[in-house]
Protein backbone atom coordinates (compact mmCIF):
# COMPACT_ATOMS: atom_id res chain seq x y z
CA MET A 1 130.67 121.40 133.94
CA ARG A 2 133.65 119.73 132.32
CA PRO A 3 133.51 116.84 129.85
CA VAL A 4 133.21 113.36 131.37
CA ILE A 5 136.60 112.28 130.04
CA GLU A 6 138.31 115.13 131.91
CA ILE A 7 136.51 114.30 135.16
CA ILE A 8 137.50 110.64 134.91
CA ALA A 9 141.11 111.59 134.07
CA ASP A 10 141.30 113.76 137.19
CA VAL A 11 139.97 110.92 139.35
CA LYS A 12 142.54 108.54 137.86
CA ASP A 13 145.30 111.09 138.56
CA GLY A 14 144.20 111.34 142.20
CA LYS A 15 143.03 114.94 141.94
CA GLU A 16 140.15 116.32 143.99
CA VAL A 17 136.89 116.29 142.00
CA PRO A 18 133.70 118.02 143.17
CA THR A 19 131.02 115.55 144.26
CA GLU A 20 128.48 116.97 141.79
CA GLU A 21 130.83 116.40 138.85
CA LEU A 22 131.73 112.93 140.04
CA LYS A 23 128.07 111.91 140.41
CA ALA A 24 127.27 113.19 136.92
CA ALA A 25 130.29 111.44 135.37
CA VAL A 26 129.39 108.15 137.05
CA LEU A 27 125.83 108.40 135.72
CA VAL A 28 127.11 109.00 132.19
CA GLN A 29 129.52 106.06 132.44
CA ASN A 30 126.74 103.84 133.73
CA ALA A 31 124.48 104.86 130.85
CA MET A 32 127.30 104.18 128.39
CA ILE A 33 127.85 100.66 129.74
CA PHE A 34 124.13 99.93 129.61
CA GLN A 35 123.87 101.21 126.03
CA PHE A 36 126.99 99.32 124.93
CA ARG A 37 125.62 96.05 126.32
CA ASN A 38 122.34 96.61 124.50
CA ASP A 39 124.17 97.43 121.27
CA THR A 40 126.32 94.31 121.58
CA ARG A 41 123.25 92.15 122.19
CA ARG A 42 121.54 93.66 119.14
CA LEU A 43 124.63 93.14 117.02
CA PHE A 44 124.76 89.44 117.89
CA LYS A 45 121.07 89.07 117.04
CA ALA A 46 121.20 91.29 113.97
CA GLY A 47 122.01 88.69 111.31
CA LYS A 48 121.20 90.44 108.04
CA GLU A 49 120.95 93.80 109.77
CA VAL A 50 124.64 93.96 110.71
CA GLU A 51 125.52 96.38 107.91
CA ARG A 52 122.71 98.74 108.89
CA PHE A 53 123.87 98.58 112.50
CA ARG A 54 127.45 99.40 111.48
CA ALA A 55 126.27 102.28 109.33
CA MET A 56 124.28 103.75 112.22
CA TYR A 57 126.96 103.53 114.91
CA TYR A 58 130.29 103.59 113.07
CA SER A 59 129.68 105.96 110.16
CA ASP A 60 131.74 108.89 111.50
CA PRO A 61 135.45 107.99 111.17
CA GLU A 62 136.51 110.92 113.38
CA LYS A 63 134.32 109.80 116.30
CA SER A 64 134.10 106.03 115.94
CA SER A 65 136.31 103.00 115.45
CA MET A 66 135.19 99.50 114.50
CA ASP A 67 138.62 98.11 115.49
CA GLN A 68 138.38 99.50 119.01
CA ALA A 69 134.58 98.98 119.29
CA ILE A 70 133.92 102.67 119.93
CA PRO A 71 130.64 103.83 118.39
CA SER A 72 130.00 107.51 117.68
CA TRP A 73 127.54 107.86 120.56
CA MET A 74 130.21 106.67 123.02
CA TYR A 75 132.70 109.28 121.80
CA ASN A 76 130.01 111.95 122.09
CA ALA A 77 129.09 110.84 125.62
CA GLU A 78 132.70 110.87 126.83
CA ASN A 79 133.28 114.36 125.48
CA ALA A 80 129.99 115.88 126.61
CA ASP A 81 129.13 117.93 129.61
CA PRO A 82 127.26 115.41 131.80
CA LEU A 83 124.45 117.82 132.53
CA GLU A 84 123.92 118.43 128.81
CA PHE A 85 124.20 114.70 128.05
CA PHE A 86 121.26 113.84 130.31
CA GLY A 87 119.16 116.92 129.65
CA PRO A 88 117.54 119.42 132.00
CA TYR A 89 115.47 117.01 134.12
CA THR A 90 118.39 114.85 135.25
CA ALA A 91 120.64 117.91 135.53
CA ASN A 92 118.17 119.37 138.04
CA LEU A 93 118.17 116.13 140.04
CA ILE A 94 121.96 116.07 140.20
CA THR A 95 122.29 119.70 141.25
CA GLN A 96 119.49 119.47 143.85
CA ASN A 97 121.15 116.57 145.68
CA ARG A 98 124.27 118.47 146.70
């Protein structure tokens, strides 16, 4: 399966995308939004822990950007194969529901 970012780009360009790929990409995007909201909530509550939080999520300059609020895990999720991102259990659920 292709990376999530490619699937989303094809949808935006109006190209035909297989249902299985689209389902997987939507699940990854949903997980990313959920995780981002949790991270933002933790950041606001962090207080003294802000530096540790930044070190955990923004330590890789090639995959993260504090200015654009893109943590490393988000970059990795966008560029991952959705079935690999979720692991074998979820991959089996996605492929069984064709």
